[in-house]
C-alpha atoms as a PDB file:
ATOM      1  CA  MET A   1       0.000   0.000   0.000  1.00  0.00           C
ATOM      2  CA  ALA A   2       1.382   3.406  -0.964  1.00  0.00           C
ATOM      3  CA  TYR A   3      -0.304   6.752  -0.499  1.00  0.00           C
ATOM      4  CA  THR A   4       0.143  10.316   0.675  1.00  0.00           C
ATOM      5  CA  ALA A   5      -1.777  11.286   3.781  1.00  0.00           C
ATOM      6  CA  GLY A   6      -2.635  14.826   2.731  1.00  0.00           C
ATOM      7  CA  LEU A   7      -5.778  15.751   0.833  1.00  0.00           C
ATOM      8  CA  GLU A   8      -5.705  17.907  -2.290  1.00  0.00           C
ATOM      9  CA  LEU A   9      -8.683  20.128  -3.026  1.00  0.00           C
ATOM     10  CA  THR A  10     -10.022  19.959  -6.567  1.00  0.00           C
ATOM     11  CA  LEU A  11     -11.587  22.913  -8.335  1.00  0.00           C
ATOM     12  CA  ASP A  12     -15.159  22.069  -7.324  1.00  0.00           C
ATOM     13  CA  GLY A  13     -14.138  22.090  -3.648  1.00  0.00           C
ATOM     14  CA  SER A  14     -14.123  18.309  -3.193  1.00  0.00           C
ATOM     15  CA  ALA A  15     -10.919  16.507  -2.250  1.00  0.00           C
ATOM     16  CA  THR A  16      -8.683  13.852  -3.754  1.00  0.00           C
ATOM     17  CA  VAL A  17      -5.470  12.038  -2.830  1.00  0.00           C
ATOM     18  CA  TYR A  18      -2.293  11.343  -4.776  1.00  0.00           C
ATOM     19  CA  SER A  19      -1.292   7.705  -5.251  1.00  0.00           C
ATOM     20  CA  GLU A  20       2.434   7.171  -5.015  1.00  0.00           C
ATOM     21  CA  ARG A  21       1.989   3.639  -6.340  1.00  0.00           C
ATOM     22  CA  TYR A  22       0.530   4.838  -9.649  1.00  0.00           C
ATOM     23  CA  GLY A  23       1.831   8.409  -9.758  1.00  0.00           C
ATOM     24  CA  GLU A  24      -1.637   9.883 -10.317  1.00  0.00           C
ATOM     25  CA  PHE A  25      -4.461  11.408  -8.326  1.00  0.00           C
ATOM     26  CA  PHE A  26      -7.483   9.264  -7.539  1.00  0.00           C
ATOM     27  CA  HIS A  27      -9.850  11.795  -9.093  1.00  0.00           C
ATOM     28  CA  ASN A  28     -10.016  14.512 -11.722  1.00  0.00           C
ATOM     29  CA  ARG A  29      -8.307  17.552 -10.202  1.00  0.00           C
ATOM     30  CA  PHE A  30     -10.843  19.802 -11.909  1.00  0.00           C
ATOM     31  CA  GLY A  31     -13.531  18.243  -9.733  1.00  0.00           C
ATOM     32  CA  ALA A  32     -13.583  14.913  -7.903  1.00  0.00           C
ATOM     33  CA  LYS A  33     -17.273  15.161  -7.042  1.00  0.00           C
ATOM     34  CA  THR A  34     -18.102  16.487 -10.502  1.00  0.00           C
ATOM     35  CA  GLN A  35     -16.465  13.488 -12.130  1.00  0.00           C
ATOM     36  CA  ALA A  36     -18.242  11.035  -9.823  1.00  0.00           C
ATOM     37  CA  ARG A  37     -21.631  12.506 -10.644  1.00  0.00           C
ATOM     38  CA  HIS A  38     -21.215  13.526 -14.285  1.00  0.00           C
ATOM     39  CA  VAL A  39     -19.180  10.635 -15.697  1.00  0.00           C
ATOM     40  CA  PHE A  40     -20.185   7.700 -13.544  1.00  0.00           C
ATOM     41  CA  LEU A  41     -23.625   8.281 -12.014  1.00  0.00           C
ATOM     42  CA  GLU A  42     -25.139  10.186 -14.930  1.00  0.00           C
ATOM     43  CA  GLY A  43     -22.933   8.731 -17.658  1.00  0.00           C
ATOM     44  CA  SER A  44     -23.813   5.151 -16.792  1.00  0.00           C
ATOM     45  CA  MET A  45     -27.541   5.895 -17.192  1.00  0.00           C
ATOM     46  CA  ILE A  46     -28.262   4.006 -13.965  1.00  0.00           C
ATOM     47  CA  ARG A  47     -31.260   6.244 -13.295  1.00  0.00           C
ATOM     48  CA  THR A  48     -33.041   4.749 -16.314  1.00  0.00           C
ATOM     49  CA  HIS A  49     -32.955   1.175 -14.976  1.00  0.00           C
ATOM     50  CA  ALA A  50     -35.585  -0.587 -12.936  1.00  0.00           C
ATOM     51  CA  THR A  51     -32.804  -2.188 -10.886  1.00  0.00           C
ATOM     52  CA  TRP A  52     -29.647  -0.450  -9.667  1.00  0.00           C
ATOM     53  CA  ARG A  53     -26.928  -3.091  -9.966  1.00  0.00           C
ATOM     54  CA  VAL A  54     -23.532  -1.415 -10.208  1.00  0.00           C
ATOM     55  CA  LEU A  55     -20.061  -2.872 -10.724  1.00  0.00           C
ATOM     56  CA  GLU A  56     -17.130  -0.562 -10.017  1.00  0.00           C
ATOM     57  CA  ILE A  57     -13.582  -1.280 -11.139  1.00  0.00           C
ATOM     58  CA  GLY A  58     -11.429   0.664  -8.696  1.00  0.00           C
ATOM     59  CA  PHE A  59     -13.313   1.479  -5.473  1.00  0.00           C
ATOM     60  CA  GLY A  60     -10.580   3.907  -4.487  1.00  0.00           C
ATOM     61  CA  LEU A  61     -11.750   6.237  -1.718  1.00  0.00           C
ATOM     62  CA  GLY A  62     -15.441   5.461  -2.147  1.00  0.00           C
ATOM     63  CA  LEU A  63     -16.592   8.715  -3.730  1.00  0.00           C
ATOM     64  CA  ASN A  64     -18.397   7.066  -6.658  1.00  0.00           C
ATOM     65  CA  PHE A  65     -20.170   4.771  -4.220  1.00  0.00           C
ATOM     66  CA  LEU A  66     -21.216   7.645  -1.938  1.00  0.00           C
ATOM     67  CA  THR A  67     -22.517   9.626  -4.903  1.00  0.00           C
ATOM     68  CA  THR A  68     -24.550   6.652  -6.137  1.00  0.00           C
ATOM     69  CA  LEU A  69     -25.829   5.834  -2.635  1.00  0.00           C
ATOM     70  CA  GLN A  70     -26.998   9.412  -2.173  1.00  0.00           C
ATOM     71  CA  GLU A  71     -28.937   9.245  -5.448  1.00  0.00           C
ATOM     72  CA  ALA A  72     -30.431   5.849  -4.625  1.00  0.00           C
ATOM     73  CA  ASN A  73     -31.651   7.163  -1.260  1.00  0.00           C
ATOM     74  CA  ALA A  74     -33.091  10.304  -2.840  1.00  0.00           C
ATOM     75  CA  ARG A  75     -35.047   8.195  -5.335  1.00  0.00           C
ATOM     76  CA  GLY A  76     -36.023   5.420  -2.940  1.00  0.00           C
ATOM     77  CA  ARG A  77     -34.160   2.785  -4.938  1.00  0.00           C
ATOM     78  CA  ALA A  78     -32.442  -0.359  -3.693  1.00  0.00           C
ATOM     79  CA  LEU A  79     -28.729  -0.314  -4.546  1.00  0.00           C
ATOM     80  CA  ASP A  80     -26.708  -3.482  -5.196  1.00  0.00           C
ATOM     81  CA  TYR A  81     -23.107  -2.295  -5.506  1.00  0.00           C
ATOM     82  CA  ARG A  82     -20.080  -4.502  -6.122  1.00  0.00           C
ATOM     83  CA  ALA A  83     -16.531  -3.178  -6.366  1.00  0.00           C
ATOM     84  CA  PHE A  84     -12.977  -4.377  -6.826  1.00  0.00           C
ATOM     85  CA  GLU A  85      -9.990  -2.696  -5.193  1.00  0.00           C
ATOM     86  CA  LEU A  86      -6.415  -3.968  -5.423  1.00  0.00           C
ATOM     87  CA  ASP A  87      -4.759  -1.333  -3.233  1.00  0.00           C
ATOM     88  CA  PRO A  88      -7.110  -0.335  -0.376  1.00  0.00           C
ATOM     89  CA  GLN A  89      -6.322   2.992   1.251  1.00  0.00           C
ATOM     90  CA  PRO A  90      -6.404   3.698   5.003  1.00  0.00           C
ATOM     91  CA  ARG A  91      -9.773   4.130   6.665  1.00  0.00           C
ATOM     92  CA  HIS A  92      -9.015   7.703   7.733  1.00  0.00           C
ATOM     93  CA  LEU A  93      -8.700   8.764   4.096  1.00  0.00           C
ATOM     94  CA  LEU A  94     -12.117   7.328   3.267  1.00  0.00           C
ATOM     95  CA  GLU A  95     -13.516   9.159   6.296  1.00  0.00           C
ATOM     96  CA  LYS A  96     -11.970  12.455   5.177  1.00  0.00           C
ATOM     97  CA  ILE A  97     -13.107  12.134   1.563  1.00  0.00           C
ATOM     98  CA  GLY A  98     -16.647  11.314   2.672  1.00  0.00           C
ATOM     99  CA  ARG A  99     -17.056  13.719   5.571  1.00  0.00           C
ATOM    100  CA  ASP A 100     -18.955  16.355   3.563  1.00  0.00           C
ATOM    101  CA  GLU A 101     -21.028  13.900   1.535  1.00  0.00           C
ATOM    102  CA  PRO A 102     -24.725  13.560   2.464  1.00  0.00           C
ATOM    103  CA  ALA A 103     -24.548   9.765   2.141  1.00  0.00           C
ATOM    104  CA  ALA A 104     -21.744   9.581   4.717  1.00  0.00           C
ATOM    105  CA  ALA A 105     -24.442   9.448   7.404  1.00  0.00           C
ATOM    106  CA  ASP A 106     -26.024   6.392   5.797  1.00  0.00           C
ATOM    107  CA  PRO A 107     -25.715   3.262   7.980  1.00  0.00           C
ATOM    108  CA  LEU A 108     -24.173   1.346   5.083  1.00  0.00           C
ATOM    109  CA  TRP A 109     -21.251   3.786   4.780  1.00  0.00           C
ATOM    110  CA  GLN A 110     -20.779   3.765   8.537  1.00  0.00           C
ATOM    111  CA  GLN A 111     -20.818  -0.042   8.470  1.00  0.00           C
ATOM    112  CA  LEU A 112     -18.203   0.004   5.711  1.00  0.00           C
ATOM    113  CA  LEU A 113     -15.889   2.252   7.733  1.00  0.00           C
ATOM    114  CA  LEU A 114     -16.191   0.006  10.773  1.00  0.00           C
ATOM    115  CA  ALA A 115     -15.435  -3.107   8.705  1.00  0.00           C
ATOM    116  CA  TRP A 116     -12.698  -1.548   6.543  1.00  0.00           C
ATOM    117  CA  PRO A 117      -9.528  -3.592   7.136  1.00  0.00           C
ATOM    118  CA  ALA A 118      -6.378  -2.030   8.501  1.00  0.00           C
ATOM    119  CA  ASP A 119      -4.394  -4.276   6.169  1.00  0.00           C
ATOM    120  CA  ALA A 120      -6.558  -6.117   3.660  1.00  0.00           C
ATOM    121  CA  SER A 121      -5.034  -9.376   2.520  1.00  0.00           C
ATOM    122  CA  ARG A 122      -5.275 -10.297  -1.144  1.00  0.00           C
ATOM    123  CA  GLY A 123      -8.536 -12.117  -1.742  1.00  0.00           C
ATOM    124  CA  ALA A 124     -10.379 -10.632   1.253  1.00  0.00           C
ATOM    125  CA  ARG A 125     -13.972  -9.502   0.820  1.00  0.00           C
ATOM    126  CA  LEU A 126     -16.413  -7.204   2.572  1.00  0.00           C
ATOM    127  CA  ASP A 127     -20.043  -8.206   2.054  1.00  0.00           C
ATOM    128  CA  LEU A 128     -22.340  -5.686   3.713  1.00  0.00           C
ATOM    129  CA  PRO A 129     -26.107  -5.973   3.356  1.00  0.00           C
ATOM    130  CA  ARG A 130     -27.909  -3.111   5.058  1.00  0.00           C
ATOM    131  CA  GLY A 131     -31.649  -2.631   4.698  1.00  0.00           C
ATOM    132  CA  LYS A 132     -32.532  -2.524   1.022  1.00  0.00           C
ATOM    133  CA  HIS A 133     -28.919  -1.872  -0.036  1.00  0.00           C
ATOM    134  CA  ARG A 134     -25.934  -4.153  -0.407  1.00  0.00           C
ATOM    135  CA  LEU A 135     -22.237  -3.389  -0.855  1.00  0.00           C
ATOM    136  CA  GLN A 136     -19.561  -5.936  -1.681  1.00  0.00           C
ATOM    137  CA  VAL A 137     -15.877  -5.002  -2.009  1.00  0.00           C
ATOM    138  CA  ASP A 138     -13.302  -7.556  -3.156  1.00  0.00           C
ATOM    139  CA  PHE A 139      -9.650  -6.749  -2.483  1.00  0.00           C
ATOM    140  CA  VAL A 140      -8.248  -8.437  -5.567  1.00  0.00           C
ATOM    141  CA  ASP A 141      -6.954  -7.620  -9.024  1.00  0.00           C
ATOM    142  CA  ALA A 142     -10.150  -7.243 -11.013  1.00  0.00           C
ATOM    143  CA  SER A 143      -8.389  -8.173 -14.243  1.00  0.00           C
ATOM    144  CA  SER A 144      -7.972 -11.772 -13.046  1.00  0.00           C
ATOM    145  CA  ALA A 145     -11.078 -12.106 -10.840  1.00  0.00           C
ATOM    146  CA  PRO A 146     -14.364 -13.825 -11.708  1.00  0.00           C
ATOM    147  CA  LEU A 147     -16.876 -11.190 -12.795  1.00  0.00           C
ATOM    148  CA  PRO A 148     -20.683 -11.239 -12.725  1.00  0.00           C
ATOM    149  CA  ILE A 149     -22.295 -12.586 -15.883  1.00  0.00           C
ATOM    150  CA  SER A 150     -24.981 -10.630 -17.759  1.00  0.00           C
ATOM    151  CA  SER A 151     -26.378  -9.188 -14.526  1.00  0.00           C
ATOM    152  CA  VAL A 152     -25.056  -5.632 -14.093  1.00  0.00           C
ATOM    153  CA  ASP A 153     -26.923  -2.476 -15.110  1.00  0.00           C
ATOM    154  CA  ALA A 154     -23.946  -0.089 -14.880  1.00  0.00           C
ATOM    155  CA  ILE A 155     -20.176  -0.435 -14.800  1.00  0.00           C
ATOM    156  CA  TYR A 156     -17.886   2.306 -13.525  1.00  0.00           C
ATOM    157  CA  LEU A 157     -14.486   1.703 -15.136  1.00  0.00           C
ATOM    158  CA  ASP A 158     -12.395   3.908 -12.863  1.00  0.00           C
ATOM    159  CA  GLY A 159      -8.931   2.413 -12.620  1.00  0.00           C
ATOM    160  CA  PHE A 160      -5.837   4.550 -12.949  1.00  0.00           C
ATOM    161  CA  SER A 161      -5.006   5.569 -16.510  1.00  0.00           C
ATOM    162  CA  PRO A 162      -4.080   3.028 -19.202  1.00  0.00           C
ATOM    163  CA  GLY A 163      -0.486   4.228 -19.153  1.00  0.00           C
ATOM    164  CA  VAL A 164       0.106   3.222 -15.520  1.00  0.00           C
ATOM    165  CA  ASN A 165      -2.617   0.613 -14.902  1.00  0.00           C
ATOM    166  CA  PRO A 166      -2.785  -1.153 -18.311  1.00  0.00           C
ATOM    167  CA  GLU A 167      -4.240  -4.451 -17.070  1.00  0.00           C
ATOM    168  CA  LEU A 168      -7.641  -2.794 -16.507  1.00  0.00           C
ATOM    169  CA  TRP A 169      -7.844  -1.497 -20.087  1.00  0.00           C
ATOM    170  CA  THR A 170      -6.924  -4.480 -22.238  1.00  0.00           C
ATOM    171  CA  SER A 171      -9.298  -5.691 -24.922  1.00  0.00           C
ATOM    172  CA  GLY A 172      -9.616  -9.015 -23.090  1.00  0.00           C
ATOM    173  CA  PHE A 173     -10.620  -7.423 -19.800  1.00  0.00           C
ATOM    174  CA  ILE A 174     -13.069  -5.044 -21.454  1.00  0.00           C
ATOM    175  CA  LEU A 175     -14.610  -8.026 -23.258  1.00  0.00           C
ATOM    176  CA  ASN A 176     -15.120  -9.626 -19.834  1.00  0.00           C
ATOM    177  CA  LEU A 177     -16.692  -6.413 -18.536  1.00  0.00           C
ATOM    178  CA  ALA A 178     -19.060  -6.356 -21.494  1.00  0.00           C
ATOM    179  CA  GLY A 179     -20.058  -9.892 -20.544  1.00  0.00           C
ATOM    180  CA  SER A 180     -21.022  -8.637 -17.085  1.00  0.00           C
ATOM    181  CA  LEU A 181     -23.561  -6.169 -18.464  1.00  0.00           C
ATOM    182  CA  ALA A 182     -27.205  -7.066 -18.712  1.00  0.00           C
ATOM    183  CA  PRO A 183     -28.684  -6.181 -22.123  1.00  0.00           C
ATOM    184  CA  GLY A 184     -29.240  -2.424 -22.198  1.00  0.00           C
ATOM    185  CA  GLY A 185     -26.599  -1.805 -19.517  1.00  0.00           C
ATOM    186  CA  TRP A 186     -23.902   0.852 -19.808  1.00  0.00           C
ATOM    187  CA  ILE A 187     -20.220   1.121 -18.986  1.00  0.00           C
ATOM    188  CA  ALA A 188     -18.840   4.607 -18.273  1.00  0.00           C
ATOM    189  CA  THR A 189     -15.235   5.749 -17.984  1.00  0.00           C
ATOM    190  CA  TYR A 190     -13.294   8.999 -17.856  1.00  0.00           C
ATOM    191  CA  SER A 191     -10.860   7.699 -20.514  1.00  0.00           C
ATOM    192  CA  ALA A 192     -11.299   8.429 -24.206  1.00  0.00           C
ATOM    193  CA  ALA A 193      -8.106   6.716 -25.370  1.00  0.00           C
ATOM    194  CA  GLY A 194      -8.250   5.238 -28.847  1.00  0.00           C
ATOM    195  CA  ALA A 195      -7.328   1.782 -27.573  1.00  0.00           C
ATOM    196  CA  VAL A 196     -10.238   1.904 -25.120  1.00  0.00           C
ATOM    197  CA  ARG A 197     -12.681   2.914 -27.859  1.00  0.00           C
ATOM    198  CA  ARG A 198     -11.465   0.057 -30.035  1.00  0.00           C
ATOM    199  CA  ALA A 199     -11.782  -2.412 -27.178  1.00  0.00           C
ATOM    200  CA  PHE A 200     -15.372  -1.282 -26.563  1.00  0.00           C
ATOM    201  CA  ALA A 201     -16.159  -1.741 -30.251  1.00  0.00           C
ATOM    202  CA  GLU A 202     -14.523  -5.178 -30.363  1.00  0.00           C
ATOM    203  CA  ALA A 203     -16.662  -6.173 -27.364  1.00  0.00           C
ATOM    204  CA  GLY A 204     -19.821  -5.383 -29.347  1.00  0.00           C
ATOM    205  CA  LEU A 205     -20.744  -2.238 -27.398  1.00  0.00           C
ATOM    206  CA  ARG A 206     -22.442   0.860 -28.809  1.00  0.00           C
ATOM    207  CA  ILE A 207     -20.037   3.727 -28.080  1.00  0.00           C
ATOM    208  CA  GLU A 208     -20.853   7.343 -27.239  1.00  0.00           C
ATOM    209  CA  ARG A 209     -18.130   9.988 -27.017  1.00  0.00           C
ATOM    210  CA  CYS A 210     -19.202  12.519 -24.407  1.00  0.00           C
ATOM    211  CA  THR A 211     -18.028  15.997 -23.455  1.00  0.00           C
ATOM    212  CA  GLY A 212     -18.701  18.470 -20.692  1.00  0.00           C
ATOM    213  CA  LEU A 213     -16.265  17.545 -17.921  1.00  0.00           C
ATOM    214  CA  ALA A 214     -13.808  20.273 -16.961  1.00  0.00           C
ATOM    215  CA  GLY A 215     -10.248  19.368 -17.837  1.00  0.00           C
ATOM    216  CA  LYS A 216     -11.272  16.608 -20.275  1.00  0.00           C
ATOM    217  CA  ARG A 217     -12.077  17.106 -23.930  1.00  0.00           C
ATOM    218  CA  GLU A 218     -14.159  13.946 -23.907  1.00  0.00           C
ATOM    219  CA  TRP A 219     -14.894  10.713 -22.077  1.00  0.00           C
ATOM    220  CA  LEU A 220     -16.655   7.511 -23.058  1.00  0.00           C
ATOM    221  CA  ARG A 221     -19.701   5.468 -22.315  1.00  0.00           C
ATOM    222  CA  ALA A 222     -20.849   2.366 -24.150  1.00  0.00           C
ATOM    223  CA  GLN A 223     -23.985   0.241 -24.089  1.00  0.00           C
ATOM    224  CA  LYS A 224     -24.580  -3.458 -24.445  1.00  0.00           C
ATOM    225  CA  PRO A 225     -27.364  -3.401 -27.028  1.00  0.00           C
ATOM    226  CA  PRO A 226     -30.836  -4.344 -25.814  1.00  0.00           C
ATOM    227  CA  PRO A 227     -32.415  -7.387 -27.498  1.00  0.00           C
ATOM    228  CA  GLY A 228     -33.212  -6.664 -31.135  1.00  0.00           C
ATOM    229  CA  LEU A 229     -30.884  -3.648 -31.386  1.00  0.00           C
ATOM    230  CA  ALA A 230     -27.758  -4.347 -33.413  1.00  0.00           C
ATOM    231  CA  THR A 231     -24.371  -2.781 -32.705  1.00  0.00           C
ATOM    232  CA  PRO A 232     -23.636  -0.115 -35.335  1.00  0.00           C
END
């Protein structure tokens, strides 16, 4: 585990942390909270689904989860959230990142903080049902882990960039992620790299190039076509 203890404020006032292991910040420095909401929550189209089954690649400091939990609570929806994290950060960083988030008061987040391991061994898992919600975090390398099959409504692909974390962006891994999506489900990511676009296309996904996030010219989302709708 490698990290810096200090928080860095991003331009929307929310905080992020620099990873010494990967040499990058966990979030967009133009707005950590903005990225969580705009790219992942809104970009994945989870609001349009009858069920809210989310798979996150790279749990990080939990901001995407908190943002999604807040929205699920506001809309009275049951959230089934599964995440993979290879390099879990210390509990106090999760507490600091979440302290100003409305969902930080939710019993599920509080349960997560209590259960968060001081030193998670490879292969460990947190499985936390709470009321109508459920959160599962696996502390493993997602690129070599068994993934759900055809049962996820939204995927947040939020690993570090392809240049420093290439195993989460290969065509083979993205094909596996596409296999996790239920028909009509979406995968969203901050990356717009050409290799990522090609991998989405090779996996049979319908790609949309999106704009509107400060500091990024564009980012991607892609849909597993619903029955009867061919990939263009």
